[in-house]
Structures are given as C-alpha cells and as structure tokens.
N, C-alpha and C. Protein backbone atom coordinates (compact mmCIF):
# COMPACT_ATOMS: atom_id res chain seq x y z
N UNK A 1 -18.74 9.64 0.15
CA UNK A 1 -17.72 8.99 0.12
C UNK A 1 -17.60 7.89 0.64
N UNK A 2 -17.17 6.48 0.30
CA UNK A 2 -17.80 5.51 1.10
C UNK A 2 -16.36 4.38 1.41
N UNK A 3 -15.84 4.06 2.15
CA UNK A 3 -14.74 2.91 2.25
C UNK A 3 -15.25 1.83 1.45
N UNK A 4 -14.06 1.09 0.99
CA UNK A 4 -14.58 -0.35 0.08
C UNK A 4 -13.22 -1.03 0.24
N UNK A 5 -13.64 -2.25 0.11
CA UNK A 5 -12.58 -3.40 0.32
C UNK A 5 -12.82 -4.32 -0.80
N UNK A 6 -11.80 -5.02 -1.04
CA UNK A 6 -11.93 -6.06 -2.56
C UNK A 6 -10.73 -7.08 -2.16
N UNK A 7 -10.63 -8.00 -3.40
CA UNK A 7 -9.76 -8.77 -3.56
C UNK A 7 -9.61 -9.84 -5.00
N UNK A 8 -8.59 -10.45 -4.93
CA UNK A 8 -8.37 -10.83 -6.05
C UNK A 8 -9.27 -12.41 -6.01
N UNK A 9 -9.03 -13.01 -7.45
CA UNK A 9 -10.64 -14.33 -7.31
C UNK A 9 -10.16 -15.21 -5.90
N UNK A 10 -8.55 -15.55 -5.71
CA UNK A 10 -7.87 -16.32 -4.73
C UNK A 10 -8.02 -15.54 -3.18
N UNK A 11 -7.84 -14.59 -3.28
CA UNK A 11 -8.07 -13.87 -1.73
C UNK A 11 -6.40 -13.64 -1.81
N UNK A 12 -5.47 -14.08 -2.41
CA UNK A 12 -4.13 -13.49 -1.86
C UNK A 12 -3.73 -12.24 -1.83
N UNK A 13 -4.28 -11.41 -2.81
CA UNK A 13 -4.40 -9.92 -2.65
C UNK A 13 -5.46 -9.46 -2.07
N UNK A 14 -5.38 -8.56 -0.94
CA UNK A 14 -6.65 -7.66 -1.01
C UNK A 14 -6.33 -6.57 -0.54
N UNK A 15 -7.45 -5.58 -0.53
CA UNK A 15 -6.77 -3.99 -0.73
C UNK A 15 -8.53 -3.21 0.35
N UNK A 16 -7.62 -2.29 0.72
CA UNK A 16 -8.73 -1.56 1.41
C UNK A 16 -8.54 -0.07 0.83
N UNK A 17 -10.11 0.58 0.42
CA UNK A 17 -9.81 1.95 -0.24
C UNK A 17 -10.57 3.11 0.93
N UNK A 18 -9.98 3.93 1.17
CA UNK A 18 -11.10 5.08 1.72
C UNK A 18 -11.29 6.23 1.17
N UNK A 19 -12.39 6.55 1.44
CA UNK A 19 -13.14 7.45 0.64
C UNK A 19 -13.62 7.16 -0.82
N UNK A 20 -13.56 5.87 -1.19
CA UNK A 20 -13.74 5.55 -2.62
C UNK A 20 -14.99 6.69 -2.98
N UNK A 21 -14.70 7.08 -4.26
CA UNK A 21 -16.12 7.67 -5.05
C UNK A 21 -17.12 6.67 -5.15
N UNK A 22 -17.85 7.15 -5.89
CA UNK A 22 -19.12 6.35 -6.58
C UNK A 22 -19.13 6.18 -7.82
N UNK A 23 -18.40 6.78 -8.58
CA UNK A 23 -18.25 6.87 -9.99
C UNK A 23 -16.90 6.28 -10.63
N UNK A 24 -17.43 5.89 -11.78
CA UNK A 24 -16.67 4.40 -12.16
C UNK A 24 -16.76 4.69 -13.79
N UNK A 25 -16.11 4.29 -14.46
CA UNK A 25 -15.57 4.67 -16.06
C UNK A 25 -15.48 3.26 -16.90
N UNK A 26 -15.64 3.19 -18.38
CA UNK A 26 -15.60 2.33 -19.02
C UNK A 26 -14.14 2.43 -20.20
N UNK A 27 -13.17 1.75 -20.14
CA UNK A 27 -12.23 1.70 -21.39
C UNK A 27 -12.33 0.81 -22.03
N UNK A 28 -12.54 1.23 -23.46
CA UNK A 28 -12.72 0.47 -24.66
C UNK A 28 -11.39 0.13 -25.53
N UNK A 29 -10.02 0.85 -25.03
CA UNK A 29 -9.27 0.43 -25.85
C UNK A 29 -8.82 -0.79 -26.32
N UNK A 30 -8.33 -1.14 -27.15
CA UNK A 30 -7.79 -2.86 -27.28
C UNK A 30 -6.92 -3.26 -26.57
N UNK A 31 -6.09 -2.63 -25.77
CA UNK A 31 -5.38 -3.44 -24.57
C UNK A 31 -6.23 -3.46 -23.33
N UNK A 32 -7.22 -2.81 -23.12
CA UNK A 32 -8.18 -3.26 -21.92
C UNK A 32 -9.07 -4.13 -22.64
N UNK A 33 -9.38 -4.24 -23.72
CA UNK A 33 -10.37 -5.13 -24.02
C UNK A 33 -9.54 -6.61 -24.18
N UNK A 34 -8.15 -6.67 -24.48
CA UNK A 34 -7.44 -7.55 -24.33
C UNK A 34 -7.18 -8.37 -23.18
N UNK A 35 -6.90 -7.38 -22.35
CA UNK A 35 -6.44 -7.90 -20.77
C UNK A 35 -7.74 -8.01 -20.05
N UNK A 36 -9.26 -7.52 -19.97
CA UNK A 36 -10.08 -7.61 -19.39
C UNK A 36 -11.17 -8.95 -19.78
N UNK A 37 -11.04 -8.71 -21.15
CA UNK A 37 -12.02 -9.55 -22.37
C UNK A 37 -13.17 -8.87 -22.70
N UNK A 38 -12.93 -7.62 -22.49
CA UNK A 38 -14.25 -7.25 -22.76
C UNK A 38 -13.90 -5.35 -22.23
N UNK A 39 -14.38 -4.63 -22.32
CA UNK A 39 -14.11 -2.96 -21.85
C UNK A 39 -13.89 -3.25 -20.41
N UNK A 40 -12.88 -2.70 -19.79
CA UNK A 40 -12.39 -2.60 -18.65
C UNK A 40 -13.36 -1.80 -18.04
N UNK A 41 -14.14 -1.66 -16.80
CA UNK A 41 -14.77 -1.47 -15.85
C UNK A 41 -14.21 -1.10 -14.69
N UNK A 42 -13.46 0.34 -14.37
CA UNK A 42 -12.79 0.51 -13.12
C UNK A 42 -13.02 1.89 -12.44
N UNK A 43 -13.04 2.03 -11.03
CA UNK A 43 -12.87 2.81 -10.12
C UNK A 43 -11.46 3.35 -10.23
N UNK A 44 -11.53 5.02 -10.19
CA UNK A 44 -10.04 5.71 -10.06
C UNK A 44 -10.10 5.89 -8.45
N UNK A 45 -8.94 5.34 -8.01
CA UNK A 45 -8.43 5.71 -6.80
C UNK A 45 -7.02 6.20 -6.27
N UNK A 46 -6.82 7.13 -5.75
CA UNK A 46 -5.61 7.83 -5.46
C UNK A 46 -4.89 6.94 -4.88
N UNK A 47 -3.56 6.59 -5.04
CA UNK A 47 -2.78 5.68 -4.66
C UNK A 47 -2.50 5.98 -3.13
N UNK A 48 -2.74 7.10 -2.59
CA UNK A 48 -2.87 7.24 -1.19
C UNK A 48 -4.07 6.81 -0.41
N UNK A 49 -5.14 6.60 -1.03
CA UNK A 49 -6.08 6.23 -0.54
C UNK A 49 -6.15 4.64 -0.59
N UNK A 50 -5.24 3.87 -0.93
CA UNK A 50 -5.31 2.30 -0.96
C UNK A 50 -4.20 1.64 -0.34
N UNK A 51 -4.87 1.09 0.53
CA UNK A 51 -3.81 -0.30 1.07
C UNK A 51 -3.84 -1.30 0.61
N UNK A 52 -2.76 -2.24 0.34
CA UNK A 52 -2.63 -2.96 -0.35
C UNK A 52 -2.13 -4.65 0.55
N UNK A 53 -2.72 -5.53 0.76
CA UNK A 53 -2.21 -6.62 1.86
C UNK A 53 -2.11 -7.79 0.60
N UNK A 54 -0.97 -8.58 0.50
CA UNK A 54 -0.53 -9.55 -0.44
C UNK A 54 0.49 -8.92 -1.30
N UNK A 55 1.21 -7.92 -1.00
CA UNK A 55 1.82 -7.41 -2.08
C UNK A 55 2.66 -8.49 -3.06
N UNK A 56 3.42 -9.70 -2.25
CA UNK A 56 4.38 -10.42 -2.84
C UNK A 56 3.89 -11.43 -3.86
N UNK A 57 2.37 -11.41 -4.01
CA UNK A 57 1.82 -11.85 -5.12
C UNK A 57 1.19 -11.28 -5.91
N UNK A 58 1.55 -10.02 -6.30
CA UNK A 58 1.15 -8.93 -7.13
C UNK A 58 2.50 -8.84 -8.21
N UNK A 59 1.92 -9.33 -9.74
CA UNK A 59 3.11 -9.17 -11.05
C UNK A 59 2.59 -7.83 -11.63
N UNK A 60 3.72 -7.35 -11.97
CA UNK A 60 3.63 -6.23 -12.85
C UNK A 60 4.00 -6.10 -14.36
N UNK A 61 3.21 -5.67 -15.49
CA UNK A 61 3.84 -5.48 -16.77
C UNK A 61 3.62 -3.97 -17.16
N UNK A 62 4.76 -3.71 -17.84
CA UNK A 62 4.51 -1.86 -18.68
C UNK A 62 3.98 -2.62 -19.98
N UNK A 63 2.52 -1.99 -19.74
CA UNK A 63 1.91 -2.32 -20.78
C UNK A 63 2.02 -1.25 -22.19
N UNK A 64 2.20 -0.31 -22.00
CA UNK A 64 2.95 0.71 -22.91
C UNK A 64 4.11 1.50 -22.46
N UNK A 65 4.21 2.28 -23.26
CA UNK A 65 5.23 3.62 -22.76
C UNK A 65 4.71 4.46 -21.52
N UNK A 66 3.55 4.39 -21.30
CA UNK A 66 3.01 5.35 -20.08
C UNK A 66 2.10 4.86 -19.14
N UNK A 67 1.88 3.49 -19.31
CA UNK A 67 1.26 2.57 -18.35
C UNK A 67 1.35 1.33 -17.97
N UNK A 68 1.20 0.83 -17.01
CA UNK A 68 1.53 -0.58 -16.20
C UNK A 68 -0.02 -1.64 -15.74
N UNK A 69 0.05 -2.35 -16.15
CA UNK A 69 -1.13 -3.28 -15.26
C UNK A 69 -0.58 -4.04 -14.40
N UNK A 70 -1.27 -4.63 -13.43
CA UNK A 70 -0.78 -5.59 -12.58
C UNK A 70 -1.67 -6.75 -12.16
N UNK A 71 -1.43 -7.90 -11.98
CA UNK A 71 -2.48 -9.18 -11.67
C UNK A 71 -2.09 -9.98 -10.29
N UNK A 72 -2.86 -10.43 -9.80
CA UNK A 72 -2.22 -11.65 -8.97
C UNK A 72 -1.32 -12.54 -9.54
N UNK A 73 -0.22 -12.89 -9.05
CA UNK A 73 0.72 -13.91 -9.51
C UNK A 73 -0.04 -15.49 -9.26
N UNK A 74 -1.03 -15.47 -8.12
CA UNK A 74 -1.45 -16.65 -7.98
C UNK A 74 -2.78 -17.14 -8.93
N UNK A 75 -3.92 -16.40 -8.83
CA UNK A 75 -4.78 -17.04 -9.53
C UNK A 75 -5.12 -16.17 -10.96
N UNK A 76 -4.39 -15.13 -11.22
CA UNK A 76 -4.34 -14.20 -12.43
C UNK A 76 -5.37 -12.81 -12.51
N UNK A 77 -5.89 -12.91 -11.52
CA UNK A 77 -6.82 -11.57 -11.43
C UNK A 77 -6.05 -10.67 -11.90
N UNK A 78 -6.81 -9.47 -12.67
CA UNK A 78 -6.50 -8.28 -12.97
C UNK A 78 -6.67 -7.42 -11.39
N UNK A 79 -5.62 -6.77 -11.47
CA UNK A 79 -5.63 -5.57 -10.23
C UNK A 79 -5.83 -4.20 -10.40
N UNK A 80 -5.12 -3.36 -11.34
CA UNK A 80 -5.13 -2.50 -11.53
C UNK A 80 -4.32 -2.08 -12.98
N UNK A 81 -4.67 -0.87 -13.50
CA UNK A 81 -4.20 0.01 -14.56
C UNK A 81 -3.99 1.19 -14.16
N UNK A 82 -2.71 1.26 -14.46
CA UNK A 82 -1.86 2.85 -13.58
C UNK A 82 -0.98 3.33 -14.40
N UNK A 83 -1.30 4.99 -14.69
CA UNK A 83 -0.41 5.29 -15.53
C UNK A 83 0.90 5.71 -14.65
N UNK A 84 2.31 5.57 -15.78
CA UNK A 84 3.11 5.93 -15.19
C UNK A 84 4.33 6.54 -15.62
N UNK A 85 3.65 7.89 -16.39
CA UNK A 85 4.07 9.22 -16.79
C UNK A 85 4.31 10.18 -15.55
N UNK A 86 5.18 10.77 -15.42
CA UNK A 86 5.65 11.75 -14.50
C UNK A 86 4.37 12.69 -14.01
N UNK A 87 4.05 12.89 -15.27
CA UNK A 87 3.06 14.10 -15.61
C UNK A 87 1.40 13.86 -15.13
N UNK A 88 1.49 12.29 -14.75
CA UNK A 88 0.20 11.66 -14.69
C UNK A 88 -0.31 11.61 -13.08
N UNK A 89 -1.72 11.72 -13.01
CA UNK A 89 -1.84 11.42 -11.78
C UNK A 89 -1.60 10.20 -10.84
N UNK A 90 -1.40 10.19 -9.81
CA UNK A 90 -0.92 9.22 -8.80
C UNK A 90 -2.21 8.02 -8.36
N UNK A 91 -2.96 7.39 -9.51
CA UNK A 91 -4.10 7.03 -9.24
C UNK A 91 -4.02 5.58 -9.82
N UNK A 92 -4.82 4.67 -9.21
CA UNK A 92 -4.77 3.21 -9.88
C UNK A 92 -6.55 2.98 -10.13
N UNK A 93 -6.14 2.34 -11.13
CA UNK A 93 -7.64 2.00 -12.00
C UNK A 93 -7.70 0.56 -11.23
N UNK A 94 -8.99 0.29 -10.51
CA UNK A 94 -9.32 -0.69 -10.07
C UNK A 94 -10.73 -1.45 -10.71
N UNK A 95 -10.31 -2.41 -11.07
CA UNK A 95 -11.69 -3.22 -11.89
C UNK A 95 -12.86 -3.16 -10.52
N UNK A 96 -14.07 -2.70 -10.81
CA UNK A 96 -15.07 -3.03 -9.97
C UNK A 96 -15.31 -4.45 -9.87
N UNK A 97 -14.97 -5.35 -10.23
CA UNK A 97 -15.47 -6.78 -10.12
C UNK A 97 -14.85 -7.15 -9.12
N UNK A 98 -14.09 -6.52 -8.71
CA UNK A 98 -12.65 -7.06 -7.37
C UNK A 98 -13.38 -6.28 -6.32
N UNK A 99 -14.34 -5.75 -6.35
CA UNK A 99 -14.86 -4.63 -4.88
C UNK A 99 -15.83 -5.95 -4.11
N UNK A 100 -15.58 -5.85 -3.10
CA UNK A 100 -16.65 -6.68 -2.00
C UNK A 100 -18.07 -6.56 -2.25
N UNK A 101 -18.31 -4.94 -2.63
CA UNK A 101 -19.50 -4.32 -2.74
C UNK A 101 -19.66 -3.44 -3.45
N UNK A 102 -20.13 -3.62 -5.05
CA UNK A 102 -20.04 -2.28 -6.06
C UNK A 102 -21.40 -1.60 -5.91
N UNK A 103 -22.64 -2.11 -4.98
CA UNK A 103 -23.48 -1.58 -5.18
C UNK A 103 -23.67 -0.06 -4.46
N UNK A 104 -24.61 0.79 -5.42
CA UNK A 104 -24.42 2.51 -5.49
C UNK A 104 -23.48 3.04 -6.42
N UNK A 105 -23.02 2.15 -7.04
CA UNK A 105 -21.81 3.13 -8.05
C UNK A 105 -22.63 3.66 -9.33
N UNK A 106 -22.08 4.51 -10.19
CA UNK A 106 -22.61 4.46 -11.22
C UNK A 106 -21.41 5.08 -12.24
N UNK A 107 -21.68 4.33 -13.81
CA UNK A 107 -20.44 4.75 -14.77
C UNK A 107 -20.99 6.36 -15.25
N UNK A 108 -20.07 7.11 -15.24
CA UNK A 108 -19.82 8.49 -15.52
C UNK A 108 -19.36 9.03 -16.80
N UNK A 109 -18.22 7.75 -17.12
CA UNK A 109 -17.40 7.99 -18.65
C UNK A 109 -17.03 6.66 -19.15
N UNK A 110 -17.19 6.90 -20.88
CA UNK A 110 -16.35 6.01 -21.43
C UNK A 110 -15.57 6.15 -22.25
N UNK A 111 -14.17 5.83 -22.28
CA UNK A 111 -13.18 6.39 -23.19
C UNK A 111 -12.99 5.27 -23.93
N UNK A 112 -11.84 6.24 -24.76
CA UNK A 112 -11.87 4.88 -26.40
C UNK A 112 -13.19 4.56 -26.66
N UNK A 113 -14.05 5.67 -26.98
CA UNK A 113 -15.17 4.98 -27.59
C UNK A 113 -15.38 4.80 -28.78
N UNK A 114 -14.85 5.09 -29.55
CA UNK A 114 -14.18 4.92 -31.32
C UNK A 114 -13.73 3.33 -30.97
N UNK A 115 -13.30 2.51 -30.21
CA UNK A 115 -12.64 1.50 -30.55
C UNK A 115 -13.76 0.53 -29.69
N UNK A 116 -14.92 0.93 -29.33
CA UNK A 116 -16.09 -0.15 -28.70
C UNK A 116 -16.59 -0.81 -29.67
N UNK A 117 -16.35 -2.33 -29.87
CA UNK A 117 -17.10 -3.09 -30.66
C UNK A 117 -18.35 -2.85 -30.58
N UNK A 118 -19.07 -2.60 -31.56
CA UNK A 118 -20.54 -2.72 -32.22
C UNK A 118 -21.33 -3.59 -31.55
N UNK A 119 -20.99 -4.65 -31.06
CA UNK A 119 -21.71 -5.68 -30.38
C UNK A 119 -22.02 -5.74 -28.88
N UNK A 120 -21.70 -4.55 -28.32
CA UNK A 120 -22.39 -4.18 -27.06
C UNK A 120 -22.34 -2.66 -26.70
N UNK A 121 -23.38 -2.35 -25.70
CA UNK A 121 -23.51 -0.63 -25.61
C UNK A 121 -24.14 -0.84 -24.29
N UNK A 122 -23.54 -0.04 -23.22
CA UNK A 122 -23.96 0.34 -21.95
C UNK A 122 -25.59 1.35 -22.02
N UNK A 123 -26.19 1.15 -21.15
CA UNK A 123 -27.56 2.03 -21.23
C UNK A 123 -27.18 3.28 -20.59
N UNK A 124 -27.93 4.28 -20.64
CA UNK A 124 -27.84 5.39 -20.06
C UNK A 124 -27.04 6.31 -21.02
N UNK A 125 -27.19 7.54 -20.05
CA UNK A 125 -25.99 8.76 -20.82
C UNK A 125 -24.91 9.07 -19.82
N UNK A 126 -23.84 9.68 -20.75
CA UNK A 126 -22.61 9.90 -19.88
C UNK A 126 -21.69 10.28 -20.61
N UNK A 127 -20.23 11.17 -20.21
CA UNK A 127 -19.25 11.52 -20.95
C UNK A 127 -18.73 10.52 -22.34
N UNK A 128 -18.81 10.82 -23.12
CA UNK A 128 -18.11 9.79 -24.00
C UNK A 128 -16.60 10.23 -24.64
N UNK A 129 -15.78 9.69 -24.79
CA UNK A 129 -14.37 10.57 -25.15
C UNK A 129 -13.78 9.41 -26.37
N UNK A 130 -13.09 9.95 -27.13
CA UNK A 130 -12.36 9.31 -28.53
C UNK A 130 -11.08 8.71 -27.73
N UNK A 131 -10.43 8.26 -28.61
CA UNK A 131 -9.05 7.88 -28.33
C UNK A 131 -8.05 9.07 -28.40
N UNK A 132 -8.45 10.03 -29.48
CA UNK A 132 -7.69 11.21 -29.67
C UNK A 132 -7.67 12.12 -28.67
N UNK A 133 -8.85 12.09 -27.89
CA UNK A 133 -9.43 13.13 -26.62
C UNK A 133 -8.86 12.62 -25.46
N UNK A 134 -8.54 11.41 -25.38
CA UNK A 134 -7.60 10.83 -24.07
C UNK A 134 -6.26 11.16 -24.22
N UNK A 135 -6.05 10.96 -25.16
CA UNK A 135 -4.50 11.10 -25.56
C UNK A 135 -4.17 12.31 -25.41
N UNK A 136 -4.80 13.79 -25.81
CA UNK A 136 -4.51 14.78 -25.48
C UNK A 136 -4.95 14.93 -24.18
N UNK A 137 -5.75 14.39 -23.36
CA UNK A 137 -6.33 14.87 -22.37
C UNK A 137 -5.11 14.58 -21.33
N UNK A 138 -4.23 13.81 -21.54
CA UNK A 138 -3.10 12.93 -20.66
C UNK A 138 -2.17 13.52 -21.59
N UNK A 139 -1.94 14.46 -22.44
CA UNK A 139 -0.59 14.57 -22.91
C UNK A 139 0.36 13.35 -23.67
N UNK A 140 -0.38 12.52 -24.26
CA UNK A 140 0.12 11.30 -24.33
C UNK A 140 0.26 11.19 -26.06
N UNK A 141 1.55 11.12 -26.22
CA UNK A 141 2.07 10.87 -27.84
C UNK A 141 2.53 9.49 -28.54
N UNK A 142 1.95 8.84 -29.82
CA UNK A 142 2.61 7.47 -29.82
C UNK A 142 3.74 7.51 -30.51
N UNK A 143 4.41 8.57 -30.71
CA UNK A 143 5.75 8.65 -31.55
C UNK A 143 6.72 8.07 -30.54
N UNK A 144 7.36 7.06 -30.93
CA UNK A 144 8.51 6.09 -29.89
C UNK A 144 7.40 5.00 -29.26
N UNK A 145 6.47 5.02 -29.05
CA UNK A 145 5.34 3.99 -28.35
C UNK A 145 5.60 2.62 -28.62
C-alpha cells in the first residue's frame, strides 16, 4: 500500500489517500463514457482513507438512482464516482489521471465490457464483467431508475 495525493486541474480541490491500493479498473458504461470522454479509469478508495481540501469547490450530481458524480466547480475536472445505495460499499472511484503519481498501478478489472466501443482496447488480461454481471454484483435493478 502507498500513500497517494492528487488534485483537480486548477488545484482548487486536493486530496490525500492513506494506504492506496495499486489496482485500478476501467468502466465502459455509457455514463462514464459521457462523463470521462472515454472509459473511466479509476482507483477504488474507502471513504475513511481519503481527505479532501477545497471542499467548497466540489459540486455533485446524482447521475443515477444509485450513484453520484462530483467535479471541481472551478475547472470542471471530474473528482469521483460514488455509489449512494445504503447497501453499497462506502468507496470513492477516483480517476487515476488526478493522481500526482500513478506509476506502479495495474488495471485489474474492466466493467460494462459489453458496452465498450470496438474502437479501442487495453492490452493485457484482467477480470471482465458485463453490465448484467455488475448490476447483479451490486444488487442494482433498473426498475424505476
């Protein structure tokens, strides 16, 4: 485990992560594609392991019935994806591009793999989960969403 830090593009929002893992994942869902402009490459961080500075510059949007996304209200950098279900882990998904140093990290999972555009692919092997598998894993139903 490694301590890591990062910030938005303008520096108005900074964060520190205690004992950050080295594994990250890619999400290919349509919302992540629209939000990130591609796949969202993100590090899972437990809420009690991250400290935020500049929280007055953080804006949030409930992007689905089960999750929110946040960004810097000054420069627009995406800061996190976070599930809001009571049954979900209390984790942040932090885009790895915000990290001051993302060296030494390994992509270990791709989710919503059946939504990935055929225009790109990542090298290597890792766990691949479809939309149905992800929804079942987190107990998400699309009824009423």
